[in-house]
Amino acid sequence: MTAELPHYEILAVRYGTSSARPASQNFIMPDGHDGPMPMDFYVWVIRGEGRTIVVDTGFSAGASERRNRRFVHAPAEALAQAGVDAGAVQDVVITHLHWDHSGNMDLFPNATFHIQDAEMAQATGRCICHKWFRRQSEVDDVVALVRNLYAGRVKFHDGAGTVAPGVTVHLVGGHTGGLQIVRVNTARGAVVLASDAVHYWMNLAEQNPFPPANVMDALEAFRIVEDLAGDRDRIIPGHDPLVLSRFPPLRGNLDIVRVDLPPKG
């Protein structure tokens, strides 16, 4: 008999925001009606069965200053508000090595970092000879992951992989060569943390991705995300401010919401 998978709580924890990006930069096929389109920045917390898994680690203070993106709460503070002791976290999933997803690894001195083979290959390979790829990552973040690799604290995945029972990662690529998404078993079914496979719900609704490294893979990623979730209400985009208004807050904190629960209304 197959054991029943545990149900997890999932928190979307907003740590940063930006109003600087115009809508035309968030789609490969702009419709001509341009204007400001706010973008929020999240880390994700998966809790249950005595485990705490963090998905992505946010941008660092240095990257915040260099790239003019402001903290709502520094990631360490944001995680503390969610009741997470970063020093006790055992598993961290890095969906990809862009600057806003892979800073602050030093906050997790006891964690194993989960990443796709293809993502490490991109971040340390020949494409970094090109400025377009180079500018999307912070070299200190990539070096931090390499140091953790040499310390024996990196687990590589090649396609689908298991982080814990009921928590799996899936290679989709597109946005980066090794972008992975996370599927989590919850009481309302499988919830997919889509990271930058789906920046905004509008990207998915219009089948119009954020400018990717590979357009075909980005379009195919929409199909994979939908297949894994089974319901668009269980797809959580990586940067959409509407996440905070669509899901119930954790203990009244409007910057932390529970996406394992059904959407409000």
C-alpha atoms as a PDB file:
ATOM      1  CA  MET A   1       0.000   0.000   0.000  1.00  0.00           C
ATOM      2  CA  THR A   2       1.361   3.451  -0.931  1.00  0.00           C
ATOM      3  CA  ALA A   3       1.623   5.812   2.023  1.00  0.00           C
ATOM      4  CA  GLU A   4      -0.511   8.933   1.771  1.00  0.00           C
ATOM      5  CA  LEU A   5       1.533  12.054   1.061  1.00  0.00           C
ATOM      6  CA  PRO A   6       1.586  14.735   3.753  1.00  0.00           C
ATOM      7  CA  HIS A   7      -0.259  18.021   3.330  1.00  0.00           C
ATOM      8  CA  TYR A   8       1.885  21.142   3.599  1.00  0.00           C
ATOM      9  CA  GLU A   9       1.285  24.785   4.446  1.00  0.00           C
ATOM     10  CA  ILE A  10       2.779  27.179   1.873  1.00  0.00           C
ATOM     11  CA  LEU A  11       3.572  30.810   2.601  1.00  0.00           C
ATOM     12  CA  ALA A  12       4.238  33.528   0.055  1.00  0.00           C
ATOM     13  CA  VAL A  13       6.508  35.962   1.904  1.00  0.00           C
ATOM     14  CA  ARG A  14       6.907  39.342   0.225  1.00  0.00           C
ATOM     15  CA  TYR A  15      10.276  40.926   0.920  1.00  0.00           C
ATOM     16  CA  GLY A  16      10.618  43.474  -1.903  1.00  0.00           C
ATOM     17  CA  THR A  17       8.725  45.513  -4.463  1.00  0.00           C
ATOM     18  CA  SER A  18       9.283  47.707  -7.501  1.00  0.00           C
ATOM     19  CA  SER A  19       7.113  50.082  -9.505  1.00  0.00           C
ATOM     20  CA  ALA A  20       9.879  50.985 -11.943  1.00  0.00           C
ATOM     21  CA  ARG A  21       9.166  48.412 -14.647  1.00  0.00           C
ATOM     22  CA  PRO A  22       6.763  49.282 -17.498  1.00  0.00           C
ATOM     23  CA  ALA A  23       4.259  46.654 -18.615  1.00  0.00           C
ATOM     24  CA  SER A  24       5.877  46.382 -22.050  1.00  0.00           C
ATOM     25  CA  GLN A  25       8.939  44.779 -20.454  1.00  0.00           C
ATOM     26  CA  ASN A  26       6.906  41.977 -18.851  1.00  0.00           C
ATOM     27  CA  PHE A  27       5.639  40.355 -22.078  1.00  0.00           C
ATOM     28  CA  ILE A  28       7.288  39.256 -25.302  1.00  0.00           C
ATOM     29  CA  MET A  29       4.222  40.508 -27.223  1.00  0.00           C
ATOM     30  CA  PRO A  30       3.227  43.909 -25.769  1.00  0.00           C
ATOM     31  CA  ASP A  31      -0.236  45.133 -26.728  1.00  0.00           C
ATOM     32  CA  GLY A  32       0.736  48.798 -27.008  1.00  0.00           C
ATOM     33  CA  HIS A  33      -1.057  49.895 -23.834  1.00  0.00           C
ATOM     34  CA  ASP A  34       2.024  50.582 -21.787  1.00  0.00           C
ATOM     35  CA  GLY A  35       2.259  51.913 -18.252  1.00  0.00           C
ATOM     36  CA  PRO A  36       3.710  51.074 -14.847  1.00  0.00           C
ATOM     37  CA  MET A  37       3.242  47.452 -13.779  1.00  0.00           C
ATOM     38  CA  PRO A  38       4.299  46.843 -10.185  1.00  0.00           C
ATOM     39  CA  MET A  39       6.352  43.761  -9.422  1.00  0.00           C
ATOM     40  CA  ASP A  40       6.632  42.086  -6.034  1.00  0.00           C
ATOM     41  CA  PHE A  41       9.448  39.835  -4.873  1.00  0.00           C
ATOM     42  CA  TYR A  42       8.798  36.750  -2.744  1.00  0.00           C
ATOM     43  CA  VAL A  43      10.453  33.925  -0.940  1.00  0.00           C
ATOM     44  CA  TRP A  44       8.322  30.844  -0.308  1.00  0.00           C
ATOM     45  CA  VAL A  45       8.044  28.678   2.792  1.00  0.00           C
ATOM     46  CA  ILE A  46       6.758  25.091   2.752  1.00  0.00           C
ATOM     47  CA  ARG A  47       5.975  23.657   6.182  1.00  0.00           C
ATOM     48  CA  GLY A  48       4.670  20.332   7.439  1.00  0.00           C
ATOM     49  CA  GLU A  49       5.626  16.964   8.910  1.00  0.00           C
ATOM     50  CA  GLY A  50       8.306  18.685  10.984  1.00  0.00           C
ATOM     51  CA  ARG A  51       9.993  20.095   7.858  1.00  0.00           C
ATOM     52  CA  THR A  52      10.573  23.663   6.736  1.00  0.00           C
ATOM     53  CA  ILE A  53      11.643  24.085   3.114  1.00  0.00           C
ATOM     54  CA  VAL A  54      12.473  27.509   1.687  1.00  0.00           C
ATOM     55  CA  VAL A  55      12.093  28.207  -2.023  1.00  0.00           C
ATOM     56  CA  ASP A  56      14.442  30.932  -3.261  1.00  0.00           C
ATOM     57  CA  THR A  57      16.443  33.270  -1.072  1.00  0.00           C
ATOM     58  CA  GLY A  58      15.692  36.746  -2.432  1.00  0.00           C
ATOM     59  CA  PHE A  59      18.060  39.504  -3.410  1.00  0.00           C
ATOM     60  CA  SER A  60      20.897  40.705  -1.223  1.00  0.00           C
ATOM     61  CA  ALA A  61      21.339  44.158   0.300  1.00  0.00           C
ATOM     62  CA  GLY A  62      24.097  44.870  -2.224  1.00  0.00           C
ATOM     63  CA  ALA A  63      21.909  43.876  -5.171  1.00  0.00           C
ATOM     64  CA  SER A  64      19.070  45.981  -3.766  1.00  0.00           C
ATOM     65  CA  GLU A  65      21.289  49.049  -3.820  1.00  0.00           C
ATOM     66  CA  ARG A  66      22.928  48.359  -7.179  1.00  0.00           C
ATOM     67  CA  ARG A  67      19.670  47.548  -8.960  1.00  0.00           C
ATOM     68  CA  ASN A  68      17.422  50.102  -7.257  1.00  0.00           C
ATOM     69  CA  ARG A  69      14.962  47.566  -5.889  1.00  0.00           C
ATOM     70  CA  ARG A  70      13.735  48.221  -2.393  1.00  0.00           C
ATOM     71  CA  PHE A  71      13.135  45.886   0.508  1.00  0.00           C
ATOM     72  CA  VAL A  72       9.739  45.824   2.145  1.00  0.00           C
ATOM     73  CA  HIS A  73      11.466  43.695   4.766  1.00  0.00           C
ATOM     74  CA  ALA A  74      14.971  42.315   4.443  1.00  0.00           C
ATOM     75  CA  PRO A  75      14.669  38.565   3.731  1.00  0.00           C
ATOM     76  CA  ALA A  76      15.965  37.549   7.166  1.00  0.00           C
ATOM     77  CA  GLU A  77      13.363  39.777   8.832  1.00  0.00           C
ATOM     78  CA  ALA A  78      10.602  38.617   6.483  1.00  0.00           C
ATOM     79  CA  LEU A  79      11.341  34.970   7.256  1.00  0.00           C
ATOM     80  CA  ALA A  80      11.428  35.694  10.989  1.00  0.00           C
ATOM     81  CA  GLN A  81       7.970  37.285  10.704  1.00  0.00           C
ATOM     82  CA  ALA A  82       6.810  34.025   9.149  1.00  0.00           C
ATOM     83  CA  GLY A  83       8.209  32.129  12.124  1.00  0.00           C
ATOM     84  CA  VAL A  84      11.143  30.664  10.219  1.00  0.00           C
ATOM     85  CA  ASP A  85      14.526  30.155  11.876  1.00  0.00           C
ATOM     86  CA  ALA A  86      16.754  30.311   8.797  1.00  0.00           C
ATOM     87  CA  GLY A  87      19.608  28.646  10.661  1.00  0.00           C
ATOM     88  CA  ALA A  88      17.468  25.556  11.231  1.00  0.00           C
ATOM     89  CA  VAL A  89      16.235  25.164   7.651  1.00  0.00           C
ATOM     90  CA  GLN A  90      17.446  21.883   6.140  1.00  0.00           C
ATOM     91  CA  ASP A  91      16.441  22.319   2.483  1.00  0.00           C
ATOM     92  CA  VAL A  92      16.449  25.346   0.174  1.00  0.00           C
ATOM     93  CA  VAL A  93      15.284  25.146  -3.426  1.00  0.00           C
ATOM     94  CA  ILE A  94      16.917  27.642  -5.790  1.00  0.00           C
ATOM     95  CA  THR A  95      14.569  27.862  -8.762  1.00  0.00           C
ATOM     96  CA  HIS A  96      17.239  29.665 -10.799  1.00  0.00           C
ATOM     97  CA  LEU A  97      20.325  31.794 -10.299  1.00  0.00           C
ATOM     98  CA  HIS A  98      19.014  35.238 -11.169  1.00  0.00           C
ATOM     99  CA  TRP A  99      19.916  38.021  -8.765  1.00  0.00           C
ATOM    100  CA  ASP A 100      16.458  38.285  -7.168  1.00  0.00           C
ATOM    101  CA  HIS A 101      16.160  34.567  -6.387  1.00  0.00           C
ATOM    102  CA  SER A 102      19.573  33.465  -5.147  1.00  0.00           C
ATOM    103  CA  GLY A 103      21.050  36.025  -2.744  1.00  0.00           C
ATOM    104  CA  ASN A 104      21.453  35.570   1.013  1.00  0.00           C
ATOM    105  CA  MET A 105      22.527  31.921   0.973  1.00  0.00           C
ATOM    106  CA  ASP A 106      24.586  32.676   4.057  1.00  0.00           C
ATOM    107  CA  LEU A 107      21.324  32.906   6.028  1.00  0.00           C
ATOM    108  CA  PHE A 108      21.023  29.105   5.721  1.00  0.00           C
ATOM    109  CA  PRO A 109      24.238  27.618   7.156  1.00  0.00           C
ATOM    110  CA  ASN A 110      22.742  24.144   7.653  1.00  0.00           C
ATOM    111  CA  ALA A 111      20.746  23.776   4.463  1.00  0.00           C
ATOM    112  CA  THR A 112      21.175  21.640   1.392  1.00  0.00           C
ATOM    113  CA  PHE A 113      20.603  23.702  -1.755  1.00  0.00           C
ATOM    114  CA  HIS A 114      18.613  22.077  -4.563  1.00  0.00           C
ATOM    115  CA  ILE A 115      19.302  23.189  -8.134  1.00  0.00           C
ATOM    116  CA  GLN A 116      19.102  21.796 -11.653  1.00  0.00           C
ATOM    117  CA  ASP A 117      22.257  20.632 -13.430  1.00  0.00           C
ATOM    118  CA  ALA A 118      21.290  22.828 -16.376  1.00  0.00           C
ATOM    119  CA  GLU A 119      21.062  25.958 -14.225  1.00  0.00           C
ATOM    120  CA  MET A 120      24.532  25.571 -12.762  1.00  0.00           C
ATOM    121  CA  ALA A 121      25.837  24.872 -16.250  1.00  0.00           C
ATOM    122  CA  GLN A 122      24.291  28.089 -17.564  1.00  0.00           C
ATOM    123  CA  ALA A 123      25.441  30.260 -14.664  1.00  0.00           C
ATOM    124  CA  THR A 124      29.047  29.057 -14.946  1.00  0.00           C
ATOM    125  CA  GLY A 125      29.277  28.291 -18.654  1.00  0.00           C
ATOM    126  CA  ARG A 126      29.912  29.969 -21.966  1.00  0.00           C
ATOM    127  CA  CYS A 127      26.680  31.956 -22.080  1.00  0.00           C
ATOM    128  CA  ILE A 128      28.078  34.120 -19.266  1.00  0.00           C
ATOM    129  CA  CYS A 129      30.546  35.416 -21.855  1.00  0.00           C
ATOM    130  CA  HIS A 130      27.558  37.465 -23.077  1.00  0.00           C
ATOM    131  CA  LYS A 131      26.552  40.578 -21.161  1.00  0.00           C
ATOM    132  CA  TRP A 132      22.820  39.859 -21.592  1.00  0.00           C
ATOM    133  CA  PHE A 133      23.152  36.693 -19.497  1.00  0.00           C
ATOM    134  CA  ARG A 134      25.811  38.058 -17.161  1.00  0.00           C
ATOM    135  CA  ARG A 135      23.757  41.015 -16.006  1.00  0.00           C
ATOM    136  CA  GLN A 136      20.911  38.801 -14.767  1.00  0.00           C
ATOM    137  CA  SER A 137      22.946  37.245 -11.973  1.00  0.00           C
ATOM    138  CA  GLU A 138      25.163  38.453  -9.157  1.00  0.00           C
ATOM    139  CA  VAL A 139      28.576  36.818  -9.296  1.00  0.00           C
ATOM    140  CA  ASP A 140      28.732  36.669  -5.481  1.00  0.00           C
ATOM    141  CA  ASP A 141      25.548  34.576  -5.435  1.00  0.00           C
ATOM    142  CA  VAL A 142      26.918  32.115  -7.986  1.00  0.00           C
ATOM    143  CA  VAL A 143      30.216  31.887  -6.083  1.00  0.00           C
ATOM    144  CA  ALA A 144      28.280  31.287  -2.851  1.00  0.00           C
ATOM    145  CA  LEU A 145      26.576  28.300  -4.441  1.00  0.00           C
ATOM    146  CA  VAL A 146      29.900  26.947  -5.675  1.00  0.00           C
ATOM    147  CA  ARG A 147      31.315  27.280  -2.144  1.00  0.00           C
ATOM    148  CA  ASN A 148      28.326  25.356  -0.799  1.00  0.00           C
ATOM    149  CA  LEU A 149      28.938  22.729  -3.473  1.00  0.00           C
ATOM    150  CA  TYR A 150      32.497  22.269  -2.246  1.00  0.00           C
ATOM    151  CA  ALA A 151      31.154  22.085   1.309  1.00  0.00           C
ATOM    152  CA  GLY A 152      28.945  19.149   0.302  1.00  0.00           C
ATOM    153  CA  ARG A 153      25.690  21.074   0.615  1.00  0.00           C
ATOM    154  CA  VAL A 154      24.288  21.101  -2.943  1.00  0.00           C
ATOM    155  CA  LYS A 155      21.945  18.492  -4.421  1.00  0.00           C
ATOM    156  CA  PHE A 156      21.594  18.480  -8.192  1.00  0.00           C
ATOM    157  CA  HIS A 157      18.459  17.485 -10.082  1.00  0.00           C
ATOM    158  CA  ASP A 158      18.210  16.587 -13.751  1.00  0.00           C
ATOM    159  CA  GLY A 159      14.537  17.002 -14.647  1.00  0.00           C
ATOM    160  CA  ALA A 160      12.096  15.906 -11.951  1.00  0.00           C
ATOM    161  CA  GLY A 161      13.344  15.317  -8.416  1.00  0.00           C
ATOM    162  CA  THR A 162      12.087  14.902  -4.865  1.00  0.00           C
ATOM    163  CA  VAL A 163      12.952  17.301  -2.043  1.00  0.00           C
ATOM    164  CA  ALA A 164      10.655  15.620   0.492  1.00  0.00           C
ATOM    165  CA  PRO A 165       7.583  13.367   0.289  1.00  0.00           C
ATOM    166  CA  GLY A 166       4.970  15.479  -1.510  1.00  0.00           C
ATOM    167  CA  VAL A 167       7.461  18.188  -2.554  1.00  0.00           C
ATOM    168  CA  THR A 168       8.966  17.791  -6.013  1.00  0.00           C
ATOM    169  CA  VAL A 169      10.960  19.947  -8.423  1.00  0.00           C
ATOM    170  CA  HIS A 170      10.497  19.979 -12.183  1.00  0.00           C
ATOM    171  CA  LEU A 171      12.772  21.362 -14.883  1.00  0.00           C
ATOM    172  CA  VAL A 172      10.963  23.697 -17.292  1.00  0.00           C
ATOM    173  CA  GLY A 173      13.682  26.010 -18.621  1.00  0.00           C
ATOM    174  CA  GLY A 174      12.615  28.903 -20.814  1.00  0.00           C
ATOM    175  CA  HIS A 175      13.258  31.857 -18.540  1.00  0.00           C
ATOM    176  CA  THR A 176      16.691  30.352 -17.888  1.00  0.00           C
ATOM    177  CA  GLY A 177      18.190  27.134 -19.184  1.00  0.00           C
ATOM    178  CA  GLY A 178      17.685  25.395 -15.850  1.00  0.00           C
ATOM    179  CA  LEU A 179      14.608  27.044 -14.318  1.00  0.00           C
ATOM    180  CA  GLN A 180      12.763  24.633 -12.026  1.00  0.00           C
ATOM    181  CA  ILE A 181       9.315  24.894 -10.498  1.00  0.00           C
ATOM    182  CA  VAL A 182       8.055  23.297  -7.273  1.00  0.00           C
ATOM    183  CA  ARG A 183       4.961  21.122  -6.863  1.00  0.00           C
ATOM    184  CA  VAL A 184       3.641  20.819  -3.307  1.00  0.00           C
ATOM    185  CA  ASN A 185       0.943  18.517  -1.957  1.00  0.00           C
ATOM    186  CA  THR A 186      -1.624  20.446   0.101  1.00  0.00           C
ATOM    187  CA  ALA A 187      -5.081  19.870   1.517  1.00  0.00           C
ATOM    188  CA  ARG A 188      -6.583  21.535  -1.585  1.00  0.00           C
ATOM    189  CA  GLY A 189      -4.509  19.529  -4.044  1.00  0.00           C
ATOM    190  CA  ALA A 190      -1.199  20.046  -5.775  1.00  0.00           C
ATOM    191  CA  VAL A 191      -0.040  23.678  -5.676  1.00  0.00           C
ATOM    192  CA  VAL A 192       2.665  24.736  -8.124  1.00  0.00           C
ATOM    193  CA  LEU A 193       5.096  27.489  -7.191  1.00  0.00           C
ATOM    194  CA  ALA A 194       5.785  28.593 -10.743  1.00  0.00           C
ATOM    195  CA  SER A 195       8.642  31.021 -10.024  1.00  0.00           C
ATOM    196  CA  ASP A 196       9.597  32.830 -13.219  1.00  0.00           C
ATOM    197  CA  ALA A 197       7.877  30.344 -15.504  1.00  0.00           C
ATOM    198  CA  VAL A 198       4.849  32.543 -14.732  1.00  0.00           C
ATOM    199  CA  HIS A 199       5.732  36.044 -13.532  1.00  0.00           C
ATOM    200  CA  TYR A 200       2.109  37.225 -13.519  1.00  0.00           C
ATOM    201  CA  TRP A 201      -1.213  35.427 -13.891  1.00  0.00           C
ATOM    202  CA  MET A 202      -1.654  37.597 -17.006  1.00  0.00           C
ATOM    203  CA  ASN A 203       1.383  35.951 -18.624  1.00  0.00           C
ATOM    204  CA  LEU A 204      -0.350  32.598 -18.316  1.00  0.00           C
ATOM    205  CA  ALA A 205      -3.839  33.810 -19.248  1.00  0.00           C
ATOM    206  CA  GLU A 206      -2.563  35.420 -22.443  1.00  0.00           C
ATOM    207  CA  GLN A 207       0.060  32.732 -23.156  1.00  0.00           C
ATOM    208  CA  ASN A 208       2.480  35.640 -23.420  1.00  0.00           C
ATOM    209  CA  PRO A 209       5.656  35.031 -21.404  1.00  0.00           C
ATOM    210  CA  PHE A 210       8.062  37.402 -19.756  1.00  0.00           C
ATOM    211  CA  PRO A 211      11.103  37.814 -22.053  1.00  0.00           C
ATOM    212  CA  PRO A 212      12.939  34.472 -21.733  1.00  0.00           C
ATOM    213  CA  ALA A 213      16.257  32.917 -22.681  1.00  0.00           C
ATOM    214  CA  ASN A 214      14.354  30.435 -24.878  1.00  0.00           C
ATOM    215  CA  VAL A 215      10.907  31.398 -26.170  1.00  0.00           C
ATOM    216  CA  MET A 216       9.760  27.907 -27.152  1.00  0.00           C
ATOM    217  CA  ASP A 217      10.709  26.458 -23.771  1.00  0.00           C
ATOM    218  CA  ALA A 218       8.951  29.351 -22.010  1.00  0.00           C
ATOM    219  CA  LEU A 219       5.747  28.645 -23.922  1.00  0.00           C
ATOM    220  CA  GLU A 220       6.018  24.920 -23.204  1.00  0.00           C
ATOM    221  CA  ALA A 221       6.569  25.765 -19.532  1.00  0.00           C
ATOM    222  CA  PHE A 222       3.012  27.130 -19.364  1.00  0.00           C
ATOM    223  CA  ARG A 223       1.709  23.693 -20.396  1.00  0.00           C
ATOM    224  CA  ILE A 224       3.909  21.892 -17.874  1.00  0.00           C
ATOM    225  CA  VAL A 225       2.815  24.220 -15.058  1.00  0.00           C
ATOM    226  CA  GLU A 226      -0.848  23.673 -15.886  1.00  0.00           C
ATOM    227  CA  ASP A 227      -0.461  19.903 -16.182  1.00  0.00           C
ATOM    228  CA  LEU A 228       1.268  19.680 -12.808  1.00  0.00           C
ATOM    229  CA  ALA A 229      -1.299  21.872 -11.041  1.00  0.00           C
ATOM    230  CA  GLY A 230      -4.454  20.650 -12.749  1.00  0.00           C
ATOM    231  CA  ASP A 231      -6.225  23.911 -11.911  1.00  0.00           C
ATOM    232  CA  ARG A 232      -5.129  27.506 -12.541  1.00  0.00           C
ATOM    233  CA  ASP A 233      -6.218  28.439  -9.003  1.00  0.00           C
ATOM    234  CA  ARG A 234      -3.366  26.224  -7.792  1.00  0.00           C
ATOM    235  CA  ILE A 235      -0.697  27.965  -9.908  1.00  0.00           C
ATOM    236  CA  ILE A 236       1.179  30.642  -7.955  1.00  0.00           C
ATOM    237  CA  PRO A 237       3.115  33.152 -10.084  1.00  0.00           C
ATOM    238  CA  GLY A 238       6.539  34.351  -9.062  1.00  0.00           C
ATOM    239  CA  HIS A 239       6.102  38.124  -8.972  1.00  0.00           C
ATOM    240  CA  ASP A 240       2.424  39.059  -9.123  1.00  0.00           C
ATOM    241  CA  PRO A 241       1.284  41.590  -6.468  1.00  0.00           C
ATOM    242  CA  LEU A 242      -2.193  40.029  -6.707  1.00  0.00           C
ATOM    243  CA  VAL A 243      -0.892  37.023  -4.744  1.00  0.00           C
ATOM    244  CA  LEU A 244      -1.195  39.115  -1.580  1.00  0.00           C
ATOM    245  CA  SER A 245      -4.798  40.113  -2.201  1.00  0.00           C
ATOM    246  CA  ARG A 246      -6.054  36.746  -3.466  1.00  0.00           C
ATOM    247  CA  PHE A 247      -4.991  34.616  -0.499  1.00  0.00           C
ATOM    248  CA  PRO A 248      -5.573  34.864   3.246  1.00  0.00           C
ATOM    249  CA  PRO A 249      -2.850  36.502   5.348  1.00  0.00           C
ATOM    250  CA  LEU A 250      -0.875  34.716   8.024  1.00  0.00           C
ATOM    251  CA  ARG A 251      -1.942  36.044  11.434  1.00  0.00           C
ATOM    252  CA  GLY A 252      -2.986  39.373   9.898  1.00  0.00           C
ATOM    253  CA  ASN A 253       0.408  40.040   8.259  1.00  0.00           C
ATOM    254  CA  LEU A 254      -0.498  41.440   4.831  1.00  0.00           C
ATOM    255  CA  ASP A 255       2.981  40.661   3.442  1.00  0.00           C
ATOM    256  CA  ILE A 256       2.644  36.928   4.192  1.00  0.00           C
ATOM    257  CA  VAL A 257      -0.205  34.889   2.749  1.00  0.00           C
ATOM    258  CA  ARG A 258      -1.126  31.200   2.755  1.00  0.00           C
ATOM    259  CA  VAL A 259      -1.314  29.931  -0.784  1.00  0.00           C
ATOM    260  CA  ASP A 260      -2.067  26.380   0.367  1.00  0.00           C
ATOM    261  CA  LEU A 261      -5.551  27.676   1.223  1.00  0.00           C
ATOM    262  CA  PRO A 262      -8.195  28.394  -1.449  1.00  0.00           C
ATOM    263  CA  PRO A 263      -8.244  31.917  -2.940  1.00  0.00           C
ATOM    264  CA  LYS A 264     -10.492  34.391  -1.151  1.00  0.00           C
ATOM    265  CA  GLY A 265     -13.934  34.954  -2.614  1.00  0.00           C
END
